[in-house]
Amino acid sequence: MQLRALFPWPLVGVALLLATAIVLTPVIFGPIVPGSIETSAELLVDHPTANGATNFYVRAYGTTVRYAEISIAIATGFAWTGSYPTGPLNWTDWQNATDVLSLQLLGIGVNPVAINVSATYTLGGASAVYVGLLAFDLSVTGGAESLLCAVSPQTSGISAPGSTDLASLPLVIYLQNFGAGPSP
């Protein structure tokens, strides 16, 4: 006896789709839990050539996620060596916001600049803290402008390109998830 007669392929395909929908429906329509991809924080770096300043934006991958807190600060006055500065940095121009979708730090006209950013998402007593410590330098080589980037060893889980052509901006960098634990 052939099983094909009892289980025709169109019927098997529809049954598999329905089973998948039943299993995934709580994930799709359930609450957005801390640490999920929807709560992942990203740092957008943009340098519109018209005004000569660098702009930084912090927001969620899922753009409707509201963070309990977002903080961002800059540090300047260090020598660019191609890697993240090793000496202590003086974090200034702190901007803090609570219960927000995003935070912008606009018009940073100094070079090089280090960024200290964190975003905290909480739900029902659980939380996830996303952190990034990065340094940027605008470089002109042979008439071409590029943005150089270095990541701190304290947030070594961040993947960022070492160099990006200004025409390729904005640059999206996903911050490191420290869970509910302490961040650097």
N, C-alpha and C. Protein backbone atom coordinates (compact mmCIF):
# COMPACT_ATOMS: atom_id res chain seq x y z
N MET A 1 0.84 -1.17 0.00
CA MET A 1 0.00 0.00 0.00
C MET A 1 0.89 1.24 0.00
N GLN A 2 0.55 2.21 -0.83
CA GLN A 2 1.34 3.43 -0.94
C GLN A 2 0.80 4.50 0.01
N LEU A 3 1.74 5.18 0.70
CA LEU A 3 1.35 6.25 1.62
C LEU A 3 0.92 7.50 0.87
N ARG A 4 1.33 7.64 -0.39
CA ARG A 4 0.94 8.81 -1.17
C ARG A 4 -0.58 8.92 -1.32
N ALA A 5 -1.24 7.82 -1.39
CA ALA A 5 -2.70 7.85 -1.53
C ALA A 5 -3.36 8.34 -0.24
N LEU A 6 -2.78 8.00 0.90
CA LEU A 6 -3.36 8.44 2.17
C LEU A 6 -2.96 9.87 2.53
N PHE A 7 -1.76 10.32 2.12
CA PHE A 7 -1.25 11.65 2.47
C PHE A 7 -0.84 12.40 1.21
N PRO A 8 -1.81 12.99 0.48
CA PRO A 8 -1.44 13.75 -0.72
C PRO A 8 -0.61 14.99 -0.35
N TRP A 9 0.40 15.32 -1.18
CA TRP A 9 1.34 16.41 -0.87
C TRP A 9 0.66 17.75 -0.60
N PRO A 10 -0.36 18.17 -1.33
CA PRO A 10 -0.98 19.47 -0.99
C PRO A 10 -1.57 19.48 0.42
N LEU A 11 -2.16 18.37 0.84
CA LEU A 11 -2.73 18.29 2.18
C LEU A 11 -1.62 18.31 3.24
N VAL A 12 -0.52 17.62 3.00
CA VAL A 12 0.61 17.61 3.93
C VAL A 12 1.21 19.00 4.04
N GLY A 13 1.35 19.71 2.90
CA GLY A 13 1.90 21.06 2.91
C GLY A 13 1.05 22.03 3.72
N VAL A 14 -0.26 21.98 3.54
CA VAL A 14 -1.18 22.86 4.28
C VAL A 14 -1.12 22.52 5.77
N ALA A 15 -1.07 21.26 6.11
CA ALA A 15 -1.00 20.86 7.52
C ALA A 15 0.29 21.36 8.16
N LEU A 16 1.41 21.29 7.44
CA LEU A 16 2.67 21.79 7.98
C LEU A 16 2.63 23.31 8.18
N LEU A 17 2.06 24.04 7.24
CA LEU A 17 1.92 25.50 7.40
C LEU A 17 1.06 25.85 8.60
N LEU A 18 -0.05 25.16 8.78
CA LEU A 18 -0.93 25.42 9.92
C LEU A 18 -0.22 25.10 11.24
N ALA A 19 0.51 24.00 11.29
CA ALA A 19 1.23 23.64 12.51
C ALA A 19 2.29 24.69 12.84
N THR A 20 2.99 25.17 11.83
CA THR A 20 4.00 26.21 12.04
C THR A 20 3.34 27.49 12.56
N ALA A 21 2.21 27.89 11.98
CA ALA A 21 1.51 29.09 12.42
C ALA A 21 1.04 28.96 13.87
N ILE A 22 0.57 27.80 14.26
CA ILE A 22 0.11 27.58 15.63
C ILE A 22 1.28 27.68 16.60
N VAL A 23 2.43 27.12 16.24
CA VAL A 23 3.59 27.16 17.13
C VAL A 23 4.15 28.57 17.24
N LEU A 24 4.20 29.33 16.15
CA LEU A 24 4.83 30.65 16.15
C LEU A 24 3.92 31.79 16.56
N THR A 25 2.62 31.60 16.61
CA THR A 25 1.70 32.69 16.95
C THR A 25 2.01 33.33 18.30
N PRO A 26 2.29 32.59 19.37
CA PRO A 26 2.63 33.27 20.62
C PRO A 26 3.90 34.11 20.52
N VAL A 27 4.86 33.69 19.70
CA VAL A 27 6.09 34.44 19.54
C VAL A 27 5.83 35.73 18.77
N ILE A 28 5.03 35.63 17.72
CA ILE A 28 4.76 36.79 16.88
C ILE A 28 3.90 37.81 17.60
N PHE A 29 2.88 37.39 18.30
CA PHE A 29 1.93 38.31 18.91
C PHE A 29 2.08 38.45 20.42
N GLY A 30 3.07 37.79 20.98
CA GLY A 30 3.29 37.89 22.42
C GLY A 30 4.02 39.16 22.78
N PRO A 31 4.29 39.38 24.06
CA PRO A 31 5.02 40.58 24.47
C PRO A 31 6.47 40.53 23.98
N ILE A 32 7.04 41.70 23.78
CA ILE A 32 8.44 41.79 23.35
C ILE A 32 9.31 41.64 24.59
N VAL A 33 10.03 40.55 24.67
CA VAL A 33 10.79 40.24 25.88
C VAL A 33 12.20 40.83 25.80
N PRO A 34 12.76 41.23 26.94
CA PRO A 34 14.12 41.76 26.96
C PRO A 34 15.11 40.75 26.40
N GLY A 35 16.01 41.24 25.58
CA GLY A 35 17.00 40.38 24.96
C GLY A 35 16.60 39.84 23.60
N SER A 36 15.34 40.03 23.20
CA SER A 36 14.91 39.55 21.89
C SER A 36 15.44 40.49 20.81
N ILE A 37 15.37 40.04 19.57
CA ILE A 37 15.91 40.86 18.47
C ILE A 37 15.16 42.19 18.35
N GLU A 38 13.89 42.21 18.70
CA GLU A 38 13.12 43.45 18.60
C GLU A 38 13.62 44.52 19.55
N THR A 39 14.21 44.14 20.68
CA THR A 39 14.68 45.11 21.66
C THR A 39 16.15 45.48 21.46
N SER A 40 16.82 44.84 20.51
CA SER A 40 18.24 45.13 20.26
C SER A 40 18.42 46.60 19.91
N ALA A 41 19.34 47.25 20.59
CA ALA A 41 19.60 48.67 20.33
C ALA A 41 20.69 48.81 19.27
N GLU A 42 20.52 49.83 18.44
CA GLU A 42 21.50 50.10 17.41
C GLU A 42 21.92 51.56 17.44
N LEU A 43 23.17 51.78 17.11
CA LEU A 43 23.73 53.12 17.00
C LEU A 43 23.86 53.43 15.52
N LEU A 44 23.22 54.51 15.08
CA LEU A 44 23.35 54.96 13.70
C LEU A 44 24.31 56.13 13.68
N VAL A 45 25.30 56.07 12.81
CA VAL A 45 26.29 57.13 12.69
C VAL A 45 26.13 57.73 11.30
N ASP A 46 25.97 59.05 11.25
CA ASP A 46 25.78 59.73 9.97
C ASP A 46 26.66 60.98 9.94
N HIS A 47 27.18 61.27 8.79
CA HIS A 47 28.00 62.47 8.60
C HIS A 47 27.58 63.11 7.28
N PRO A 48 26.51 63.91 7.32
CA PRO A 48 26.14 64.59 6.08
C PRO A 48 27.25 65.56 5.70
N THR A 49 27.76 65.46 4.50
CA THR A 49 28.90 66.27 4.10
C THR A 49 28.55 67.75 4.03
N ALA A 50 27.28 68.09 3.96
CA ALA A 50 26.89 69.49 3.83
C ALA A 50 27.26 70.31 5.07
N ASN A 51 27.07 69.75 6.27
CA ASN A 51 27.32 70.57 7.46
C ASN A 51 28.61 70.22 8.20
N GLY A 52 29.29 69.16 7.80
CA GLY A 52 30.58 68.83 8.38
C GLY A 52 30.54 68.28 9.79
N ALA A 53 29.38 68.00 10.35
CA ALA A 53 29.26 67.46 11.71
C ALA A 53 28.79 66.02 11.65
N THR A 54 29.13 65.26 12.69
CA THR A 54 28.71 63.87 12.78
C THR A 54 27.50 63.78 13.70
N ASN A 55 26.53 62.99 13.29
CA ASN A 55 25.31 62.80 14.07
C ASN A 55 25.22 61.35 14.52
N PHE A 56 24.76 61.15 15.76
CA PHE A 56 24.60 59.81 16.33
C PHE A 56 23.15 59.63 16.77
N TYR A 57 22.58 58.48 16.47
CA TYR A 57 21.20 58.17 16.83
C TYR A 57 21.18 56.80 17.51
N VAL A 58 20.43 56.67 18.58
CA VAL A 58 20.25 55.38 19.25
C VAL A 58 18.78 55.03 19.16
N ARG A 59 18.49 53.84 18.69
CA ARG A 59 17.11 53.38 18.58
C ARG A 59 17.09 51.86 18.58
N ALA A 60 15.91 51.30 18.59
CA ALA A 60 15.76 49.84 18.59
C ALA A 60 15.70 49.32 17.17
N TYR A 61 16.11 48.08 17.02
CA TYR A 61 15.94 47.39 15.74
C TYR A 61 14.46 47.37 15.38
N GLY A 62 13.62 47.01 16.35
CA GLY A 62 12.17 47.11 16.20
C GLY A 62 11.79 48.53 16.60
N THR A 63 11.46 49.37 15.64
CA THR A 63 11.37 50.81 15.88
C THR A 63 10.27 51.24 16.83
N THR A 64 9.39 50.34 17.26
CA THR A 64 8.34 50.74 18.19
C THR A 64 8.65 50.34 19.63
N VAL A 65 9.88 49.95 19.90
CA VAL A 65 10.28 49.56 21.25
C VAL A 65 10.59 50.81 22.06
N ARG A 66 10.02 50.89 23.25
CA ARG A 66 10.26 52.03 24.14
C ARG A 66 11.24 51.58 25.22
N TYR A 67 12.36 52.30 25.32
CA TYR A 67 13.38 51.98 26.30
C TYR A 67 13.09 52.67 27.62
N ALA A 68 13.42 52.00 28.71
CA ALA A 68 13.29 52.61 30.04
C ALA A 68 14.26 53.79 30.15
N GLU A 69 15.46 53.64 29.54
CA GLU A 69 16.44 54.72 29.57
C GLU A 69 17.44 54.55 28.43
N ILE A 70 17.83 55.68 27.86
CA ILE A 70 18.93 55.73 26.89
C ILE A 70 19.87 56.83 27.35
N SER A 71 21.17 56.54 27.38
CA SER A 71 22.20 57.52 27.74
C SER A 71 23.27 57.52 26.67
N ILE A 72 23.77 58.70 26.37
CA ILE A 72 24.86 58.82 25.40
C ILE A 72 25.74 59.99 25.81
N ALA A 73 27.05 59.82 25.67
CA ALA A 73 28.01 60.87 26.00
C ALA A 73 29.17 60.79 25.02
N ILE A 74 29.93 61.89 24.96
CA ILE A 74 31.10 61.91 24.09
C ILE A 74 32.35 62.21 24.90
N ALA A 75 33.49 61.83 24.33
CA ALA A 75 34.79 62.18 24.89
C ALA A 75 35.66 62.64 23.72
N THR A 76 36.40 63.70 23.95
CA THR A 76 37.28 64.24 22.91
C THR A 76 38.65 64.51 23.53
N GLY A 77 39.55 65.04 22.73
CA GLY A 77 40.85 65.44 23.24
C GLY A 77 41.84 64.29 23.39
N PHE A 78 41.67 63.23 22.65
CA PHE A 78 42.63 62.12 22.68
C PHE A 78 43.24 61.98 21.28
N ALA A 79 44.39 61.37 21.20
CA ALA A 79 45.07 61.17 19.93
C ALA A 79 44.54 59.90 19.26
N TRP A 80 44.26 59.99 17.97
CA TRP A 80 43.78 58.83 17.23
C TRP A 80 44.97 57.94 16.87
N THR A 81 44.91 56.70 17.30
CA THR A 81 45.99 55.75 17.02
C THR A 81 45.52 54.62 16.12
N GLY A 82 44.25 54.62 15.75
CA GLY A 82 43.70 53.55 14.94
C GLY A 82 42.99 52.50 15.76
N SER A 83 43.14 52.60 17.08
CA SER A 83 42.43 51.68 17.98
C SER A 83 41.72 52.52 19.04
N TYR A 84 40.92 51.86 19.86
CA TYR A 84 40.20 52.56 20.90
C TYR A 84 41.21 53.16 21.89
N PRO A 85 40.99 54.38 22.37
CA PRO A 85 41.95 55.01 23.29
C PRO A 85 42.19 54.17 24.54
N THR A 86 43.46 54.09 24.96
CA THR A 86 43.80 53.27 26.12
C THR A 86 43.74 54.06 27.42
N GLY A 87 43.90 55.36 27.35
CA GLY A 87 43.88 56.17 28.57
C GLY A 87 42.47 56.45 29.03
N PRO A 88 42.32 56.99 30.24
CA PRO A 88 40.99 57.34 30.72
C PRO A 88 40.38 58.47 29.88
N LEU A 89 39.09 58.37 29.65
CA LEU A 89 38.38 59.36 28.86
C LEU A 89 37.50 60.21 29.78
N ASN A 90 37.36 61.47 29.44
CA ASN A 90 36.49 62.38 30.17
C ASN A 90 35.17 62.48 29.42
N TRP A 91 34.16 61.77 29.92
CA TRP A 91 32.85 61.74 29.25
C TRP A 91 32.10 63.02 29.56
N THR A 92 31.71 63.75 28.51
CA THR A 92 31.00 65.02 28.66
C THR A 92 29.73 65.00 27.81
N ASP A 93 29.01 66.08 27.92
CA ASP A 93 27.78 66.27 27.14
C ASP A 93 26.82 65.10 27.29
N TRP A 94 26.69 64.59 28.52
CA TRP A 94 25.76 63.48 28.76
C TRP A 94 24.35 63.88 28.37
N GLN A 95 23.71 63.00 27.64
CA GLN A 95 22.29 63.17 27.35
C GLN A 95 21.60 61.90 27.82
N ASN A 96 20.61 62.09 28.68
CA ASN A 96 19.86 60.97 29.24
C ASN A 96 18.38 61.19 28.95
N ALA A 97 17.70 60.12 28.61
CA ALA A 97 16.27 60.20 28.39
C ALA A 97 15.63 58.94 28.93
N THR A 98 14.45 59.08 29.51
CA THR A 98 13.73 57.92 30.03
C THR A 98 12.41 57.76 29.27
N ASP A 99 11.97 56.52 29.17
CA ASP A 99 10.71 56.19 28.52
C ASP A 99 10.67 56.75 27.09
N VAL A 100 11.69 56.38 26.27
CA VAL A 100 11.82 56.95 24.93
C VAL A 100 11.99 55.87 23.87
N LEU A 101 11.67 56.26 22.64
CA LEU A 101 11.88 55.38 21.49
C LEU A 101 13.28 55.53 20.91
N SER A 102 13.84 56.75 21.02
CA SER A 102 15.17 56.99 20.46
C SER A 102 15.80 58.20 21.12
N LEU A 103 17.10 58.40 20.89
CA LEU A 103 17.81 59.56 21.39
C LEU A 103 18.82 59.97 20.32
N GLN A 104 18.92 61.27 20.09
CA GLN A 104 19.82 61.78 19.06
C GLN A 104 20.89 62.66 19.70
N LEU A 105 22.10 62.58 19.18
CA LEU A 105 23.20 63.45 19.57
C LEU A 105 23.68 64.06 18.26
N LEU A 106 23.29 65.31 18.02
CA LEU A 106 23.47 65.93 16.71
C LEU A 106 24.62 66.93 16.70
N GLY A 107 25.24 67.05 15.55
CA GLY A 107 26.19 68.12 15.30
C GLY A 107 27.49 68.04 16.05
N ILE A 108 28.08 66.86 16.18
CA ILE A 108 29.38 66.72 16.85
C ILE A 108 30.45 67.08 15.83
N GLY A 109 31.08 68.22 16.02
CA GLY A 109 32.04 68.73 15.05
C GLY A 109 33.48 68.50 15.41
N VAL A 110 33.76 67.74 16.45
CA VAL A 110 35.14 67.48 16.86
C VAL A 110 35.62 66.14 16.30
N ASN A 111 36.92 66.01 16.19
CA ASN A 111 37.49 64.82 15.59
C ASN A 111 38.82 64.53 16.26
N PRO A 112 39.12 63.35 16.72
CA PRO A 112 38.27 62.18 16.86
C PRO A 112 37.31 62.33 18.03
N VAL A 113 36.34 61.44 18.08
CA VAL A 113 35.35 61.45 19.16
C VAL A 113 35.07 60.02 19.60
N ALA A 114 34.92 59.85 20.90
CA ALA A 114 34.52 58.54 21.46
C ALA A 114 33.08 58.65 21.93
N ILE A 115 32.34 57.58 21.79
CA ILE A 115 30.93 57.54 22.16
C ILE A 115 30.72 56.48 23.23
N ASN A 116 29.98 56.85 24.28
CA ASN A 116 29.60 55.94 25.35
C ASN A 116 28.08 55.91 25.34
N VAL A 117 27.49 54.80 24.95
CA VAL A 117 26.04 54.74 24.80
C VAL A 117 25.49 53.50 25.49
N SER A 118 24.32 53.66 26.11
CA SER A 118 23.63 52.52 26.70
C SER A 118 22.13 52.71 26.55
N ALA A 119 21.44 51.60 26.41
CA ALA A 119 19.98 51.60 26.31
C ALA A 119 19.45 50.44 27.15
N THR A 120 18.47 50.73 28.00
CA THR A 120 17.92 49.71 28.90
C THR A 120 16.46 49.47 28.55
N TYR A 121 16.13 48.21 28.31
CA TYR A 121 14.75 47.81 28.04
C TYR A 121 14.28 46.93 29.20
N THR A 122 13.11 47.23 29.75
CA THR A 122 12.56 46.43 30.84
C THR A 122 11.12 46.04 30.53
N LEU A 123 10.75 44.88 31.05
CA LEU A 123 9.37 44.40 30.94
C LEU A 123 9.13 43.38 32.04
N GLY A 124 8.18 43.64 32.88
CA GLY A 124 7.78 42.70 33.92
C GLY A 124 8.91 42.28 34.84
N GLY A 125 9.78 43.19 35.19
CA GLY A 125 10.87 42.89 36.10
C GLY A 125 12.13 42.36 35.43
N ALA A 126 12.03 41.98 34.17
CA ALA A 126 13.22 41.53 33.43
C ALA A 126 13.77 42.71 32.64
N SER A 127 15.08 42.70 32.41
CA SER A 127 15.67 43.81 31.66
C SER A 127 16.82 43.33 30.80
N ALA A 128 17.16 44.16 29.83
CA ALA A 128 18.33 43.95 28.97
C ALA A 128 19.00 45.30 28.80
N VAL A 129 20.32 45.32 28.96
CA VAL A 129 21.09 46.54 28.83
C VAL A 129 21.99 46.39 27.61
N TYR A 130 21.87 47.33 26.67
CA TYR A 130 22.66 47.33 25.45
C TYR A 130 23.68 48.46 25.56
N VAL A 131 24.96 48.14 25.33
CA VAL A 131 26.04 49.11 25.56
C VAL A 131 27.00 49.12 24.37
N GLY A 132 27.55 50.30 24.14
CA GLY A 132 28.59 50.44 23.13
C GLY A 132 29.60 51.50 23.52
N LEU A 133 30.87 51.17 23.44
CA LEU A 133 31.97 52.11 23.63
C LEU A 133 32.78 52.09 22.34
N LEU A 134 32.68 53.19 21.58
CA LEU A 134 33.31 53.24 20.27
C LEU A 134 34.02 54.57 20.08
N ALA A 135 35.01 54.57 19.21
CA ALA A 135 35.71 55.81 18.85
C ALA A 135 35.66 55.96 17.33
N PHE A 136 35.53 57.22 16.88
CA PHE A 136 35.42 57.51 15.46
C PHE A 136 36.39 58.62 15.08
N ASP A 137 36.90 58.54 13.85
CA ASP A 137 37.79 59.57 13.32
C ASP A 137 37.49 59.74 11.84
N LEU A 138 37.31 60.99 11.42
CA LEU A 138 37.13 61.28 10.01
C LEU A 138 38.50 61.37 9.37
N SER A 139 38.69 60.67 8.28
CA SER A 139 40.00 60.60 7.64
C SER A 139 39.87 61.01 6.18
N VAL A 140 40.85 61.74 5.70
CA VAL A 140 40.91 62.10 4.28
C VAL A 140 42.19 61.49 3.72
N THR A 141 42.03 60.54 2.81
CA THR A 141 43.17 59.87 2.19
C THR A 141 43.03 59.97 0.68
N GLY A 142 43.95 60.66 0.06
CA GLY A 142 43.90 60.80 -1.40
C GLY A 142 42.66 61.49 -1.88
N GLY A 143 42.13 62.42 -1.10
CA GLY A 143 40.93 63.16 -1.49
C GLY A 143 39.63 62.46 -1.14
N ALA A 144 39.69 61.20 -0.70
CA ALA A 144 38.48 60.46 -0.33
C ALA A 144 38.29 60.52 1.19
N GLU A 145 37.08 60.85 1.61
CA GLU A 145 36.79 60.91 3.04
C GLU A 145 36.21 59.58 3.50
N SER A 146 36.64 59.15 4.69
CA SER A 146 36.08 57.94 5.27
C SER A 146 35.97 58.12 6.78
N LEU A 147 35.14 57.32 7.38
CA LEU A 147 34.94 57.32 8.82
C LEU A 147 35.61 56.07 9.38
N LEU A 148 36.61 56.29 10.23
CA LEU A 148 37.31 55.18 10.86
C LEU A 148 36.63 54.87 12.19
N CYS A 149 36.56 53.60 12.56
CA CYS A 149 35.85 53.19 13.77
C CYS A 149 36.69 52.19 14.54
N ALA A 150 36.71 52.35 15.87
CA ALA A 150 37.37 51.40 16.76
C ALA A 150 36.44 51.07 17.91
N VAL A 151 36.41 49.81 18.30
CA VAL A 151 35.53 49.34 19.37
C VAL A 151 36.36 49.07 20.62
N SER A 152 35.84 49.47 21.77
CA SER A 152 36.52 49.23 23.04
C SER A 152 36.57 47.74 23.35
N PRO A 153 37.65 47.28 23.97
CA PRO A 153 37.70 45.88 24.41
C PRO A 153 36.59 45.54 25.41
N GLN A 154 36.07 46.55 26.11
CA GLN A 154 34.99 46.30 27.08
C GLN A 154 33.68 45.94 26.39
N THR A 155 33.51 46.32 25.13
CA THR A 155 32.33 45.94 24.36
C THR A 155 32.78 45.24 23.07
N SER A 156 33.66 44.28 23.23
CA SER A 156 34.25 43.60 22.08
C SER A 156 33.25 42.76 21.30
N GLY A 157 32.04 42.58 21.82
CA GLY A 157 31.01 41.83 21.10
C GLY A 157 30.36 42.63 19.99
N ILE A 158 30.74 43.89 19.83
CA ILE A 158 30.18 44.74 18.77
C ILE A 158 30.94 44.50 17.49
N SER A 159 30.21 44.36 16.41
CA SER A 159 30.81 44.21 15.10
C SER A 159 30.68 45.54 14.37
N ALA A 160 31.81 46.17 14.06
CA ALA A 160 31.81 47.45 13.35
C ALA A 160 32.94 47.45 12.35
N PRO A 161 32.70 48.01 11.17
CA PRO A 161 33.78 48.06 10.18
C PRO A 161 34.87 49.03 10.62
N GLY A 162 36.11 48.74 10.28
CA GLY A 162 37.21 49.63 10.63
C GLY A 162 37.16 50.93 9.87
N SER A 163 36.64 50.89 8.64
CA SER A 163 36.58 52.09 7.81
C SER A 163 35.33 52.03 6.94
N THR A 164 34.66 53.18 6.81
CA THR A 164 33.46 53.27 5.99
C THR A 164 33.55 54.54 5.14
N ASP A 165 33.33 54.41 3.86
CA ASP A 165 33.30 55.56 2.97
C ASP A 165 32.10 56.44 3.35
N LEU A 166 32.28 57.76 3.35
CA LEU A 166 31.19 58.65 3.77
C LEU A 166 29.96 58.52 2.88
N ALA A 167 30.15 58.13 1.63
CA ALA A 167 29.00 57.94 0.74
C ALA A 167 28.16 56.73 1.17
N SER A 168 28.73 55.84 1.98
CA SER A 168 28.00 54.64 2.43
C SER A 168 27.26 54.86 3.74
N LEU A 169 27.36 56.04 4.32
CA LEU A 169 26.67 56.33 5.58
C LEU A 169 25.19 56.56 5.32
N PRO A 170 24.31 56.35 6.27
CA PRO A 170 24.57 56.09 7.67
C PRO A 170 25.03 54.66 7.93
N LEU A 171 25.83 54.53 8.98
CA LEU A 171 26.38 53.26 9.42
C LEU A 171 25.54 52.76 10.60
N VAL A 172 25.12 51.51 10.54
CA VAL A 172 24.33 50.91 11.62
C VAL A 172 25.22 49.95 12.39
N ILE A 173 25.32 50.18 13.73
CA ILE A 173 26.13 49.34 14.60
C ILE A 173 25.23 48.82 15.72
N TYR A 174 25.13 47.50 15.85
CA TYR A 174 24.31 46.91 16.90
C TYR A 174 25.09 46.88 18.20
N LEU A 175 24.49 47.39 19.26
CA LEU A 175 25.15 47.46 20.56
C LEU A 175 25.18 46.08 21.21
N GLN A 176 26.11 45.89 22.14
CA GLN A 176 26.28 44.60 22.81
C GLN A 176 25.25 44.44 23.92
N ASN A 177 24.64 43.27 23.97
CA ASN A 177 23.64 42.97 25.00
C ASN A 177 24.35 42.42 26.23
N PHE A 178 24.25 43.14 27.35
CA PHE A 178 24.83 42.68 28.61
C PHE A 178 23.76 42.03 29.48
N GLY A 179 22.57 41.80 28.95
CA GLY A 179 21.50 41.19 29.74
C GLY A 179 21.13 42.08 30.90
N ALA A 180 20.84 41.48 32.04
CA ALA A 180 20.49 42.27 33.22
C ALA A 180 21.73 42.57 34.07
N GLY A 181 22.88 42.07 33.62
CA GLY A 181 24.11 42.23 34.40
C GLY A 181 24.69 43.62 34.30
N PRO A 182 25.78 43.85 35.02
CA PRO A 182 26.41 45.17 35.00
C PRO A 182 27.09 45.42 33.64
N SER A 183 27.04 46.65 33.21
CA SER A 183 27.70 47.03 31.96
C SER A 183 28.97 47.80 32.28
N PRO A 184 29.88 47.90 31.31
CA PRO A 184 31.14 48.60 31.58
C PRO A 184 30.96 50.09 31.79
